[in-house]
PDB file of N, CA and C in Angstrom:
ATOM      1  N   MET A   1     -35.802  25.067 -33.253  1.00  0.00           N
ATOM      2  CA  MET A   1     -35.834  23.620 -33.358  1.00  0.00           C
ATOM      3  C   MET A   1     -37.291  23.184 -33.176  1.00  0.00           C
ATOM      4  N   SER A   2     -37.735  22.305 -34.022  1.00  0.00           N
ATOM      5  CA  SER A   2     -39.126  21.843 -33.967  1.00  0.00           C
ATOM      6  C   SER A   2     -39.333  20.919 -32.759  1.00  0.00           C
ATOM      7  N   PRO A   3     -40.584  20.752 -32.318  1.00  0.00           N
ATOM      8  CA  PRO A   3     -40.846  19.846 -31.191  1.00  0.00           C
ATOM      9  C   PRO A   3     -40.372  18.413 -31.451  1.00  0.00           C
ATOM     10  N   VAL A   4     -40.488  17.952 -32.685  1.00  0.00           N
ATOM     11  CA  VAL A   4     -40.019  16.600 -33.028  1.00  0.00           C
ATOM     12  C   VAL A   4     -38.505  16.521 -32.873  1.00  0.00           C
ATOM     13  N   GLU A   5     -37.801  17.534 -33.374  1.00  0.00           N
ATOM     14  CA  GLU A   5     -36.337  17.553 -33.251  1.00  0.00           C
ATOM     15  C   GLU A   5     -35.924  17.666 -31.789  1.00  0.00           C
ATOM     16  N   LEU A   6     -36.666  18.452 -31.010  1.00  0.00           N
ATOM     17  CA  LEU A   6     -36.341  18.612 -29.594  1.00  0.00           C
ATOM     18  C   LEU A   6     -36.498  17.283 -28.849  1.00  0.00           C
ATOM     19  N   ARG A   7     -37.548  16.534 -29.138  1.00  0.00           N
ATOM     20  CA  ARG A   7     -37.729  15.214 -28.518  1.00  0.00           C
ATOM     21  C   ARG A   7     -36.589  14.273 -28.912  1.00  0.00           C
ATOM     22  N   GLU A   8     -36.211  14.298 -30.183  1.00  0.00           N
ATOM     23  CA  GLU A   8     -35.113  13.443 -30.653  1.00  0.00           C
ATOM     24  C   GLU A   8     -33.799  13.836 -29.973  1.00  0.00           C
ATOM     25  N   LEU A   9     -33.555  15.137 -29.836  1.00  0.00           N
ATOM     26  CA  LEU A   9     -32.343  15.617 -29.169  1.00  0.00           C
ATOM     27  C   LEU A   9     -32.302  15.138 -27.723  1.00  0.00           C
ATOM     28  N   LYS A  10     -33.413  15.310 -27.006  1.00  0.00           N
ATOM     29  CA  LYS A  10     -33.463  14.858 -25.613  1.00  0.00           C
ATOM     30  C   LYS A  10     -33.231  13.359 -25.516  1.00  0.00           C
ATOM     31  N   SER A  11     -33.820  12.607 -26.432  1.00  0.00           N
ATOM     32  CA  SER A  11     -33.657  11.156 -26.444  1.00  0.00           C
ATOM     33  C   SER A  11     -32.193  10.774 -26.653  1.00  0.00           C
ATOM     34  N   GLN A  12     -31.547  11.397 -27.630  1.00  0.00           N
ATOM     35  CA  GLN A  12     -30.141  11.071 -27.908  1.00  0.00           C
ATOM     36  C   GLN A  12     -29.239  11.484 -26.750  1.00  0.00           C
ATOM     37  N   LEU A  13     -29.501  12.646 -26.151  1.00  0.00           N
ATOM     38  CA  LEU A  13     -28.679  13.095 -25.023  1.00  0.00           C
ATOM     39  C   LEU A  13     -28.846  12.175 -23.818  1.00  0.00           C
ATOM     40  N   GLU A  14     -30.086  11.749 -23.542  1.00  0.00           N
ATOM     41  CA  GLU A  14     -30.313  10.832 -22.423  1.00  0.00           C
ATOM     42  C   GLU A  14     -29.574   9.511 -22.646  1.00  0.00           C
ATOM     43  N   GLU A  15     -29.591   9.011 -23.877  1.00  0.00           N
ATOM     44  CA  GLU A  15     -28.886   7.765 -24.181  1.00  0.00           C
ATOM     45  C   GLU A  15     -27.375   7.930 -24.001  1.00  0.00           C
ATOM     46  N   LEU A  16     -26.827   9.051 -24.480  1.00  0.00           N
ATOM     47  CA  LEU A  16     -25.388   9.294 -24.337  1.00  0.00           C
ATOM     48  C   LEU A  16     -25.000   9.451 -22.869  1.00  0.00           C
ATOM     49  N   LEU A  17     -25.851  10.106 -22.074  1.00  0.00           N
ATOM     50  CA  LEU A  17     -25.592  10.235 -20.638  1.00  0.00           C
ATOM     51  C   LEU A  17     -25.646   8.871 -19.955  1.00  0.00           C
ATOM     52  N   ARG A  18     -26.637   8.067 -20.296  1.00  0.00           N
ATOM     53  CA  ARG A  18     -26.804   6.747 -19.699  1.00  0.00           C
ATOM     54  C   ARG A  18     -25.598   5.854 -19.995  1.00  0.00           C
ATOM     55  N   LYS A  19     -25.039   5.970 -21.191  1.00  0.00           N
ATOM     56  CA  LYS A  19     -23.879   5.162 -21.583  1.00  0.00           C
ATOM     57  C   LYS A  19     -22.559   5.774 -21.111  1.00  0.00           C
ATOM     58  N   HIS A  20     -22.622   6.920 -20.444  1.00  0.00           N
ATOM     59  CA  HIS A  20     -21.444   7.635 -19.930  1.00  0.00           C
ATOM     60  C   HIS A  20     -20.506   8.091 -21.043  1.00  0.00           C
ATOM     61  N   PHE A  21     -21.052   8.338 -22.247  1.00  0.00           N
ATOM     62  CA  PHE A  21     -20.252   8.908 -23.329  1.00  0.00           C
ATOM     63  C   PHE A  21     -20.099  10.411 -23.149  1.00  0.00           C
ATOM     64  N   ILE A  22     -21.060  11.025 -22.467  1.00  0.00           N
ATOM     65  CA  ILE A  22     -21.011  12.456 -22.170  1.00  0.00           C
ATOM     66  C   ILE A  22     -21.336  12.638 -20.699  1.00  0.00           C
ATOM     67  N   ARG A  23     -21.084  13.832 -20.177  1.00  0.00           N
ATOM     68  CA  ARG A  23     -21.436  14.156 -18.793  1.00  0.00           C
ATOM     69  C   ARG A  23     -21.877  15.608 -18.734  1.00  0.00           C
ATOM     70  N   PRO A  24     -22.633  15.970 -17.710  1.00  0.00           N
ATOM     71  CA  PRO A  24     -23.062  17.368 -17.577  1.00  0.00           C
ATOM     72  C   PRO A  24     -21.846  18.281 -17.424  1.00  0.00           C
ATOM     73  N   SER A  25     -21.966  19.481 -17.946  1.00  0.00           N
ATOM     74  CA  SER A  25     -20.854  20.428 -17.919  1.00  0.00           C
ATOM     75  C   SER A  25     -21.222  21.663 -17.111  1.00  0.00           C
ATOM     76  N   VAL A  26     -20.219  22.259 -16.467  1.00  0.00           N
ATOM     77  CA  VAL A  26     -20.401  23.523 -15.762  1.00  0.00           C
ATOM     78  C   VAL A  26     -19.561  24.614 -16.423  1.00  0.00           C
ATOM     79  N   SER A  27     -19.062  24.334 -17.605  1.00  0.00           N
ATOM     80  CA  SER A  27     -18.217  25.273 -18.333  1.00  0.00           C
ATOM     81  C   SER A  27     -19.031  26.470 -18.813  1.00  0.00           C
ATOM     82  N   PRO A  28     -18.433  27.670 -18.801  1.00  0.00           N
ATOM     83  CA  PRO A  28     -19.136  28.831 -19.360  1.00  0.00           C
ATOM     84  C   PRO A  28     -19.181  28.791 -20.885  1.00  0.00           C
ATOM     85  N   TRP A  29     -18.429  27.887 -21.500  1.00  0.00           N
ATOM     86  CA  TRP A  29     -18.397  27.779 -22.952  1.00  0.00           C
ATOM     87  C   TRP A  29     -19.351  26.699 -23.412  1.00  0.00           C
ATOM     88  N   GLY A  30     -19.817  26.853 -24.618  1.00  0.00           N
ATOM     89  CA  GLY A  30     -20.714  25.862 -25.191  1.00  0.00           C
ATOM     90  C   GLY A  30     -20.606  25.891 -26.701  1.00  0.00           C
ATOM     91  N   ALA A  31     -21.327  25.005 -27.343  1.00  0.00           N
ATOM     92  CA  ALA A  31     -21.326  24.936 -28.802  1.00  0.00           C
ATOM     93  C   ALA A  31     -22.743  24.596 -29.257  1.00  0.00           C
ATOM     94  N   PRO A  32     -23.173  25.188 -30.373  1.00  0.00           N
ATOM     95  CA  PRO A  32     -24.527  24.902 -30.856  1.00  0.00           C
ATOM     96  C   PRO A  32     -24.666  23.457 -31.349  1.00  0.00           C
ATOM     97  N   VAL A  33     -25.847  22.915 -31.114  1.00  0.00           N
ATOM     98  CA  VAL A  33     -26.161  21.542 -31.499  1.00  0.00           C
ATOM     99  C   VAL A  33     -27.198  21.580 -32.606  1.00  0.00           C
ATOM    100  N   LEU A  34     -27.052  20.699 -33.579  1.00  0.00           N
ATOM    101  CA  LEU A  34     -28.073  20.583 -34.608  1.00  0.00           C
ATOM    102  C   LEU A  34     -28.244  19.125 -34.976  1.00  0.00           C
ATOM    103  N   LEU A  35     -29.411  18.820 -35.512  1.00  0.00           N
ATOM    104  CA  LEU A  35     -29.711  17.464 -35.945  1.00  0.00           C
ATOM    105  C   LEU A  35     -29.736  17.436 -37.461  1.00  0.00           C
ATOM    106  N   VAL A  36     -29.061  16.455 -38.039  1.00  0.00           N
ATOM    107  CA  VAL A  36     -28.992  16.309 -39.490  1.00  0.00           C
ATOM    108  C   VAL A  36     -29.643  14.977 -39.852  1.00  0.00           C
ATOM    109  N   LYS A  37     -30.527  15.014 -40.830  1.00  0.00           N
ATOM    110  CA  LYS A  37     -31.217  13.794 -41.243  1.00  0.00           C
ATOM    111  C   LYS A  37     -30.283  12.927 -42.084  1.00  0.00           C
ATOM    112  N   LYS A  38     -30.197  11.649 -41.702  1.00  0.00           N
ATOM    113  CA  LYS A  38     -29.381  10.691 -42.442  1.00  0.00           C
ATOM    114  C   LYS A  38     -30.203  10.090 -43.581  1.00  0.00           C
ATOM    115  N   LYS A  39     -29.547   9.356 -44.466  1.00  0.00           N
ATOM    116  CA  LYS A  39     -30.228   8.758 -45.619  1.00  0.00           C
ATOM    117  C   LYS A  39     -31.363   7.829 -45.214  1.00  0.00           C
ATOM    118  N   ASP A  40     -31.194   7.142 -44.085  1.00  0.00           N
ATOM    119  CA  ASP A  40     -32.236   6.201 -43.657  1.00  0.00           C
ATOM    120  C   ASP A  40     -33.379   6.880 -42.907  1.00  0.00           C
ATOM    121  N   GLY A  41     -33.332   8.208 -42.776  1.00  0.00           N
ATOM    122  CA  GLY A  41     -34.409   8.962 -42.142  1.00  0.00           C
ATOM    123  C   GLY A  41     -34.194   9.260 -40.678  1.00  0.00           C
ATOM    124  N   THR A  42     -33.221   8.607 -40.038  1.00  0.00           N
ATOM    125  CA  THR A  42     -32.938   8.898 -38.636  1.00  0.00           C
ATOM    126  C   THR A  42     -32.142  10.193 -38.539  1.00  0.00           C
ATOM    127  N   MET A  43     -32.051  10.709 -37.329  1.00  0.00           N
ATOM    128  CA  MET A  43     -31.368  11.983 -37.118  1.00  0.00           C
ATOM    129  C   MET A  43     -30.011  11.749 -36.468  1.00  0.00           C
ATOM    130  N   ARG A  44     -29.014  12.495 -36.925  1.00  0.00           N
ATOM    131  CA  ARG A  44     -27.660  12.433 -36.368  1.00  0.00           C
ATOM    132  C   ARG A  44     -27.404  13.723 -35.591  1.00  0.00           C
ATOM    133  N   LEU A  45     -26.879  13.591 -34.391  1.00  0.00           N
ATOM    134  CA  LEU A  45     -26.528  14.725 -33.547  1.00  0.00           C
ATOM    135  C   LEU A  45     -25.186  15.292 -34.002  1.00  0.00           C
ATOM    136  N   CYS A  46     -25.157  16.579 -34.337  1.00  0.00           N
ATOM    137  CA  CYS A  46     -23.922  17.242 -34.768  1.00  0.00           C
ATOM    138  C   CYS A  46     -23.678  18.455 -33.881  1.00  0.00           C
ATOM    139  N   ILE A  47     -22.424  18.723 -33.588  1.00  0.00           N
ATOM    140  CA  ILE A  47     -22.052  19.861 -32.751  1.00  0.00           C
ATOM    141  C   ILE A  47     -21.077  20.721 -33.531  1.00  0.00           C
ATOM    142  N   ASP A  48     -21.352  22.019 -33.558  1.00  0.00           N
ATOM    143  CA  ASP A  48     -20.530  22.967 -34.308  1.00  0.00           C
ATOM    144  C   ASP A  48     -19.514  23.602 -33.355  1.00  0.00           C
ATOM    145  N   TYR A  49     -18.281  23.130 -33.393  1.00  0.00           N
ATOM    146  CA  TYR A  49     -17.224  23.595 -32.488  1.00  0.00           C
ATOM    147  C   TYR A  49     -16.373  24.713 -33.079  1.00  0.00           C
ATOM    148  N   ARG A  50     -16.734  25.267 -34.218  1.00  0.00           N
ATOM    149  CA  ARG A  50     -15.868  26.253 -34.877  1.00  0.00           C
ATOM    150  C   ARG A  50     -15.596  27.477 -34.003  1.00  0.00           C
ATOM    151  N   GLN A  51     -16.621  28.043 -33.375  1.00  0.00           N
ATOM    152  CA  GLN A  51     -16.409  29.231 -32.544  1.00  0.00           C
ATOM    153  C   GLN A  51     -15.582  28.896 -31.304  1.00  0.00           C
ATOM    154  N   LEU A  52     -15.836  27.746 -30.710  1.00  0.00           N
ATOM    155  CA  LEU A  52     -15.067  27.318 -29.545  1.00  0.00           C
ATOM    156  C   LEU A  52     -13.605  27.086 -29.912  1.00  0.00           C
ATOM    157  N   ASN A  53     -13.356  26.501 -31.081  1.00  0.00           N
ATOM    158  CA  ASN A  53     -11.982  26.261 -31.526  1.00  0.00           C
ATOM    159  C   ASN A  53     -11.222  27.564 -31.745  1.00  0.00           C
ATOM    160  N   LYS A  54     -11.928  28.636 -32.125  1.00  0.00           N
ATOM    161  CA  LYS A  54     -11.266  29.927 -32.351  1.00  0.00           C
ATOM    162  C   LYS A  54     -10.692  30.512 -31.066  1.00  0.00           C
ATOM    163  N   VAL A  55     -11.328  30.247 -29.917  1.00  0.00           N
ATOM    164  CA  VAL A  55     -10.867  30.833 -28.655  1.00  0.00           C
ATOM    165  C   VAL A  55     -10.026  29.858 -27.835  1.00  0.00           C
ATOM    166  N   THR A  56      -9.870  28.638 -28.316  1.00  0.00           N
ATOM    167  CA  THR A  56      -9.071  27.645 -27.605  1.00  0.00           C
ATOM    168  C   THR A  56      -7.591  27.947 -27.787  1.00  0.00           C
ATOM    169  N   ILE A  57      -6.864  27.961 -26.683  1.00  0.00           N
ATOM    170  CA  ILE A  57      -5.421  28.208 -26.721  1.00  0.00           C
ATOM    171  C   ILE A  57      -4.720  26.870 -26.950  1.00  0.00           C
ATOM    172  N   LYS A  58      -3.973  26.793 -28.015  1.00  0.00           N
ATOM    173  CA  LYS A  58      -3.269  25.557 -28.358  1.00  0.00           C
ATOM    174  C   LYS A  58      -2.067  25.357 -27.443  1.00  0.00           C
ATOM    175  N   ASN A  59      -1.699  24.114 -27.206  1.00  0.00           N
ATOM    176  CA  ASN A  59      -0.553  23.771 -26.388  1.00  0.00           C
ATOM    177  C   ASN A  59       0.721  24.106 -27.167  1.00  0.00           C
ATOM    178  N   LYS A  60       1.534  25.019 -26.625  1.00  0.00           N
ATOM    179  CA  LYS A  60       2.756  25.433 -27.322  1.00  0.00           C
ATOM    180  C   LYS A  60       3.819  24.346 -27.307  1.00  0.00           C
ATOM    181  N   TYR A  61       3.801  23.524 -26.277  1.00  0.00           N
ATOM    182  CA  TYR A  61       4.814  22.493 -26.135  1.00  0.00           C
ATOM    183  C   TYR A  61       4.134  21.134 -25.959  1.00  0.00           C
ATOM    184  N   PRO A  62       3.655  20.551 -27.039  1.00  0.00           N
ATOM    185  CA  PRO A  62       2.984  19.245 -26.908  1.00  0.00           C
ATOM    186  C   PRO A  62       3.976  18.166 -26.492  1.00  0.00           C
ATOM    187  N   LEU A  63       3.463  17.111 -25.916  1.00  0.00           N
ATOM    188  CA  LEU A  63       4.323  15.996 -25.521  1.00  0.00           C
ATOM    189  C   LEU A  63       4.925  15.352 -26.761  1.00  0.00           C
ATOM    190  N   PRO A  64       6.199  14.989 -26.693  1.00  0.00           N
ATOM    191  CA  PRO A  64       6.820  14.345 -27.857  1.00  0.00           C
ATOM    192  C   PRO A  64       6.253  12.945 -28.059  1.00  0.00           C
ATOM    193  N   ARG A  65       6.316  12.489 -29.287  1.00  0.00           N
ATOM    194  CA  ARG A  65       5.846  11.137 -29.598  1.00  0.00           C
ATOM    195  C   ARG A  65       6.829  10.124 -29.045  1.00  0.00           C
ATOM    196  N   ILE A  66       6.296   9.012 -28.566  1.00  0.00           N
ATOM    197  CA  ILE A  66       7.138   7.998 -27.931  1.00  0.00           C
ATOM    198  C   ILE A  66       8.163   7.416 -28.899  1.00  0.00           C
ATOM    199  N   ASP A  67       7.807   7.240 -30.167  1.00  0.00           N
ATOM    200  CA  ASP A  67       8.785   6.673 -31.106  1.00  0.00           C
ATOM    201  C   ASP A  67       9.924   7.651 -31.383  1.00  0.00           C
ATOM    202  N   ASP A  68       9.656   8.960 -31.336  1.00  0.00           N
ATOM    203  CA  ASP A  68      10.732   9.944 -31.488  1.00  0.00           C
ATOM    204  C   ASP A  68      11.678   9.892 -30.292  1.00  0.00           C
ATOM    205  N   LEU A  69      11.125   9.721 -29.099  1.00  0.00           N
ATOM    206  CA  LEU A  69      11.964   9.621 -27.903  1.00  0.00           C
ATOM    207  C   LEU A  69      12.830   8.361 -27.941  1.00  0.00           C
ATOM    208  N   LEU A  70      12.245   7.266 -28.377  1.00  0.00           N
ATOM    209  CA  LEU A  70      13.014   6.020 -28.460  1.00  0.00           C
ATOM    210  C   LEU A  70      14.104   6.111 -29.515  1.00  0.00           C
ATOM    211  N   ASP A  71      13.849   6.799 -30.609  1.00  0.00           N
ATOM    212  CA  ASP A  71      14.871   6.984 -31.642  1.00  0.00           C
ATOM    213  C   ASP A  71      16.049   7.798 -31.118  1.00  0.00           C
ATOM    214  N   GLN A  72      15.797   8.730 -30.205  1.00  0.00           N
ATOM    215  CA  GLN A  72      16.872   9.543 -29.644  1.00  0.00           C
ATOM    216  C   GLN A  72      17.787   8.718 -28.742  1.00  0.00           C
ATOM    217  N   LEU A  73      17.269   7.632 -28.195  1.00  0.00           N
ATOM    218  CA  LEU A  73      18.073   6.787 -27.310  1.00  0.00           C
ATOM    219  C   LEU A  73      19.060   5.910 -28.064  1.00  0.00           C
ATOM    220  N   LYS A  74      18.852   5.699 -29.336  1.00  0.00           N
ATOM    221  CA  LYS A  74      19.720   4.819 -30.128  1.00  0.00           C
ATOM    222  C   LYS A  74      21.059   5.431 -30.406  1.00  0.00           C
TER     223      LYS A  74
END
């Protein structure tokens, strides 16, 4: 990552932390971050979760939808 991109990344992360959209993590897992240039020349923060999604265990028994539960009561 270039020094310009690194400064932009730090700036965006500090703003997201300040707004409480993100928080520091102590997880052993992580995902690579990259910056993509938008049409107007600014940089967009993107996170590649593909590898993390491969090792994530899906919930076998998700909670039922509320409208399905209400339909069962009729």
